[in-house]
Amino acid sequence: MSFGKALRKEADYIFEATYNHPFVQGIAKGEVEPEQLMHYVKQDFEYLNGMIKARALGLAKCTNREDTALFSSGIEFILNSETHPHHNFCEVAGVDYEDLQGFPLAPTAQQYVDHMLTVAHEGTLAESIAVTLPCPWIYLDICQRMIKEYAPEENHPFYEWISFYGAQEMPRMNAFIKLMDQLAENANEEEKARMKKHFIQGCQLEYKFFDMAYTLEDWPVQK
């Protein structure tokens, strides 16, 4: 079994819990409160800014142009394509996308961004891949399951969000997994243990991110 397949199998319980989270199921059923959608977009806009930086830190560790191009395409996708699902949520919530940008990170989002950037900065290229894989892998999983289980049609309020992530560019994600697998073959046991730890923690934080949106999480003490 490849390293990537082993990671996915190890994290299956988190993938399952995430799919069954009420916020995720609310998307599947078209039943999410506007405040929850807005909180999600506020936080995800800033989280994706962090993901761009994490990808850039990984890019700086690449040693050939093929890997550099892969990381560059990941950054381009976030900058130019991943605004589309945000617009879907904003349209349903009745707000302008531009009005939900520039807000402080909530505790969970801050923890997640710090986790990614610390690993991407201090870790190896393989670790930087492992720490950024939970997001696309979980989104692909939950949306493909939504499509299979709920078969949303174009009149579904979150059809665009579900279809966007359910039809992610598999070649790019598979290329990241393939590169991670190749790097893992030459990694020692300590590095592979760190890669596993980063991936599992990232999956847990993906679950917490949806929960953060569902509960409208904020810092406990306000000025």
Protein backbone atom coordinates (compact mmCIF):
# COMPACT_ATOMS: atom_id res chain seq x y z
CA MET A 1 0.00 0.00 0.00
CA SER A 2 1.35 3.41 -0.95
CA PHE A 3 2.03 6.03 1.72
CA GLY A 4 -0.85 8.20 0.49
CA LYS A 5 -3.33 5.32 0.54
CA ALA A 6 -2.18 4.42 4.06
CA LEU A 7 -2.76 8.01 5.20
CA ARG A 8 -6.24 8.05 3.67
CA LYS A 9 -7.13 4.77 5.34
CA GLU A 10 -5.81 6.00 8.70
CA ALA A 11 -7.93 9.16 8.47
CA ASP A 12 -11.12 7.45 7.29
CA TYR A 13 -12.88 7.98 10.62
CA ILE A 14 -12.32 11.74 10.32
CA PHE A 15 -13.54 11.80 6.72
CA GLU A 16 -16.67 9.96 7.83
CA ALA A 17 -17.30 12.28 10.79
CA THR A 18 -16.79 15.34 8.57
CA TYR A 19 -19.32 14.14 6.01
CA ASN A 20 -21.86 13.62 8.78
CA HIS A 21 -21.26 17.00 10.44
CA PRO A 22 -24.49 19.06 10.52
CA PHE A 23 -22.95 21.95 8.56
CA VAL A 24 -21.85 19.60 5.78
CA GLN A 25 -25.17 17.79 5.80
CA GLY A 26 -26.88 21.18 5.75
CA ILE A 27 -25.07 21.98 2.52
CA ALA A 28 -26.14 18.63 1.07
CA LYS A 29 -29.78 19.29 2.02
CA GLY A 30 -29.73 22.99 1.11
CA GLU A 31 -30.39 24.03 4.71
CA VAL A 32 -27.71 26.38 6.07
CA GLU A 33 -28.40 29.66 7.86
CA PRO A 34 -27.14 32.86 6.15
CA GLU A 35 -25.03 33.76 9.21
CA GLN A 36 -23.28 30.40 9.01
CA LEU A 37 -22.57 30.83 5.31
CA MET A 38 -21.16 34.31 5.87
CA HIS A 39 -18.98 33.15 8.76
CA TYR A 40 -17.64 30.33 6.61
CA VAL A 41 -16.78 32.64 3.72
CA LYS A 42 -15.10 35.20 5.99
CA GLN A 43 -12.90 32.52 7.47
CA ASP A 44 -12.26 30.54 4.31
CA PHE A 45 -11.14 33.64 2.41
CA GLU A 46 -8.39 34.17 4.99
CA TYR A 47 -7.64 30.45 5.29
CA LEU A 48 -7.06 30.23 1.54
CA ASN A 49 -4.66 33.17 1.79
CA GLY A 50 -2.76 31.00 4.25
CA MET A 51 -2.93 28.03 1.89
CA ILE A 52 -1.41 30.15 -0.88
CA LYS A 53 1.51 31.01 1.39
CA ALA A 54 1.92 27.36 2.39
CA ARG A 55 1.99 26.34 -1.27
CA ALA A 56 4.56 29.08 -1.95
CA LEU A 57 6.77 27.80 0.88
CA GLY A 58 6.52 24.33 -0.59
CA LEU A 59 7.34 25.67 -4.04
CA ALA A 60 10.54 27.19 -2.64
CA LYS A 61 11.64 23.69 -1.58
CA CYS A 62 11.17 22.19 -5.06
CA THR A 63 14.31 21.08 -6.88
CA ASN A 64 12.98 20.74 -10.43
CA ARG A 65 10.63 22.60 -12.75
CA GLU A 66 8.04 19.84 -12.89
CA ASP A 67 7.40 20.02 -9.15
CA THR A 68 7.61 23.82 -9.25
CA ALA A 69 4.91 23.88 -11.93
CA LEU A 70 2.69 21.64 -9.81
CA PHE A 71 2.86 23.98 -6.82
CA SER A 72 2.41 26.99 -9.08
CA SER A 73 -0.75 25.49 -10.57
CA GLY A 74 -2.08 24.91 -7.05
CA ILE A 75 -1.60 28.59 -6.23
CA GLU A 76 -3.22 29.64 -9.50
CA PHE A 77 -6.25 27.44 -8.79
CA ILE A 78 -6.85 29.08 -5.41
CA LEU A 79 -6.39 32.60 -6.76
CA ASN A 80 -8.48 32.31 -9.91
CA SER A 81 -10.92 29.44 -9.45
CA GLU A 82 -11.72 28.91 -5.79
CA THR A 83 -13.62 32.18 -5.53
CA HIS A 84 -16.49 30.49 -7.43
CA PRO A 85 -17.86 28.43 -4.51
CA HIS A 86 -17.57 31.49 -2.25
CA HIS A 87 -19.81 33.42 -4.63
CA ASN A 88 -22.37 30.62 -4.42
CA PHE A 89 -22.56 30.91 -0.63
CA CYS A 90 -22.71 34.71 -0.82
CA GLU A 91 -25.53 34.60 -3.35
CA VAL A 92 -27.59 32.33 -1.10
CA ALA A 93 -26.81 34.48 1.95
CA GLY A 94 -27.73 37.66 0.07
CA VAL A 95 -24.40 39.46 0.53
CA ASP A 96 -21.57 40.69 -1.68
CA TYR A 97 -18.40 38.61 -1.64
CA GLU A 98 -16.24 41.72 -1.27
CA ASP A 99 -18.03 42.60 1.98
CA LEU A 100 -16.84 39.37 3.63
CA GLN A 101 -13.12 39.90 3.10
CA GLY A 102 -10.50 41.13 5.54
CA PHE A 103 -11.99 39.81 8.78
CA PRO A 104 -9.89 38.45 11.68
CA LEU A 105 -9.40 34.72 11.87
CA ALA A 106 -11.53 32.85 14.39
CA PRO A 107 -9.65 30.51 16.79
CA THR A 108 -9.98 27.36 14.69
CA ALA A 109 -9.07 29.08 11.43
CA GLN A 110 -6.09 30.72 13.12
CA GLN A 111 -4.94 27.37 14.49
CA TYR A 112 -5.27 25.75 11.07
CA VAL A 113 -3.38 28.48 9.22
CA ASP A 114 -0.62 28.50 11.83
CA HIS A 115 -0.38 24.71 11.59
CA MET A 116 0.04 24.79 7.80
CA LEU A 117 2.50 27.65 7.70
CA THR A 118 4.69 26.30 10.50
CA VAL A 119 5.00 22.89 8.85
CA ALA A 120 5.47 24.35 5.36
CA HIS A 121 8.21 26.65 6.68
CA GLU A 122 10.05 24.28 9.00
CA GLY A 123 9.36 20.90 7.40
CA THR A 124 10.53 19.09 4.31
CA LEU A 125 8.90 19.25 0.90
CA ALA A 126 7.10 15.98 1.71
CA GLU A 127 5.80 17.43 4.97
CA SER A 128 4.56 20.58 3.22
CA ILE A 129 2.52 18.38 0.88
CA ALA A 130 1.14 16.23 3.69
CA VAL A 131 -0.05 19.25 5.68
CA THR A 132 -1.92 20.79 2.73
CA LEU A 133 -3.59 17.62 1.40
CA PRO A 134 -6.47 17.30 3.92
CA CYS A 135 -8.36 20.29 2.50
CA PRO A 136 -8.69 19.22 -1.16
CA TRP A 137 -9.00 15.53 -0.28
CA ILE A 138 -11.83 16.01 2.22
CA TYR A 139 -13.71 18.48 0.02
CA LEU A 140 -13.51 16.10 -2.92
CA ASP A 141 -14.71 13.23 -0.74
CA ILE A 142 -17.70 14.98 0.82
CA CYS A 143 -18.90 16.51 -2.43
CA GLN A 144 -18.58 13.33 -4.45
CA ARG A 145 -20.59 11.61 -1.71
CA MET A 146 -23.20 14.38 -1.82
CA ILE A 147 -23.53 13.97 -5.58
CA LYS A 148 -23.95 10.22 -5.22
CA GLU A 149 -26.32 10.30 -2.25
CA TYR A 150 -28.40 13.42 -2.94
CA ALA A 151 -28.01 13.88 -6.72
CA PRO A 152 -28.46 17.68 -6.46
CA GLU A 153 -29.93 19.36 -9.52
CA GLU A 154 -29.22 22.87 -10.78
CA ASN A 155 -32.04 24.35 -8.65
CA HIS A 156 -30.32 23.15 -5.46
CA PRO A 157 -29.11 26.28 -3.60
CA PHE A 158 -25.59 24.87 -3.24
CA TYR A 159 -25.38 23.09 -6.58
CA GLU A 160 -22.44 25.25 -7.69
CA TRP A 161 -20.47 24.63 -4.47
CA ILE A 162 -21.07 20.89 -4.53
CA SER A 163 -20.39 20.44 -8.24
CA PHE A 164 -17.25 22.61 -8.08
CA TYR A 165 -15.58 20.59 -5.33
CA GLY A 166 -17.05 17.30 -6.49
CA ALA A 167 -15.38 17.75 -9.84
CA GLN A 168 -12.04 19.07 -8.65
CA GLU A 169 -9.05 18.65 -10.90
CA MET A 170 -8.17 15.12 -9.85
CA PRO A 171 -4.97 15.07 -11.94
CA ARG A 172 -3.48 17.87 -9.82
CA MET A 173 -4.43 16.35 -6.46
CA ASN A 174 -3.23 12.95 -7.62
CA ALA A 175 0.02 14.55 -8.73
CA PHE A 176 0.56 15.94 -5.22
CA ILE A 177 -0.17 12.51 -3.73
CA LYS A 178 2.17 10.84 -6.23
CA LEU A 179 4.95 13.29 -5.40
CA MET A 180 4.41 12.74 -1.68
CA ASP A 181 4.56 8.97 -2.23
CA GLN A 182 7.83 9.31 -4.13
CA LEU A 183 9.34 11.47 -1.42
CA ALA A 184 8.12 9.08 1.28
CA GLU A 185 10.04 6.23 -0.33
CA ASN A 186 13.29 8.00 0.52
CA ALA A 187 12.16 9.42 3.86
CA ASN A 188 13.25 7.92 7.18
CA GLU A 189 10.75 6.70 9.74
CA GLU A 190 10.89 9.95 11.72
CA GLU A 191 9.98 12.06 8.70
CA LYS A 192 7.17 9.71 7.70
CA ALA A 193 5.81 9.85 11.25
CA ARG A 194 5.78 13.65 11.05
CA MET A 195 4.02 13.54 7.68
CA LYS A 196 1.33 11.29 9.15
CA LYS A 197 0.94 13.54 12.19
CA HIS A 198 0.59 16.66 10.03
CA PHE A 199 -1.99 15.01 7.79
CA ILE A 200 -4.13 13.65 10.63
CA GLN A 201 -4.06 16.98 12.45
CA GLY A 202 -5.04 18.73 9.24
CA CYS A 203 -8.00 16.38 8.81
CA GLN A 204 -9.10 17.09 12.37
CA LEU A 205 -8.85 20.81 11.70
CA GLU A 206 -10.95 20.42 8.56
CA TYR A 207 -13.69 18.95 10.75
CA LYS A 208 -13.26 21.80 13.23
CA PHE A 209 -13.42 24.36 10.41
CA PHE A 210 -16.92 23.22 9.43
CA ASP A 211 -17.88 23.17 13.10
CA MET A 212 -16.52 26.71 13.47
CA ALA A 213 -18.88 27.88 10.72
CA TYR A 214 -21.81 25.95 12.19
CA THR A 215 -21.38 27.40 15.71
CA LEU A 216 -20.29 30.88 14.53
CA GLU A 217 -17.13 30.42 16.58
CA ASP A 218 -15.35 33.57 17.74
CA TRP A 219 -12.80 34.53 20.35
CA PRO A 220 -14.36 34.20 23.83
CA VAL A 221 -13.44 37.69 25.11
CA GLN A 222 -14.50 40.65 23.00
CA LYS A 223 -13.41 44.26 23.47
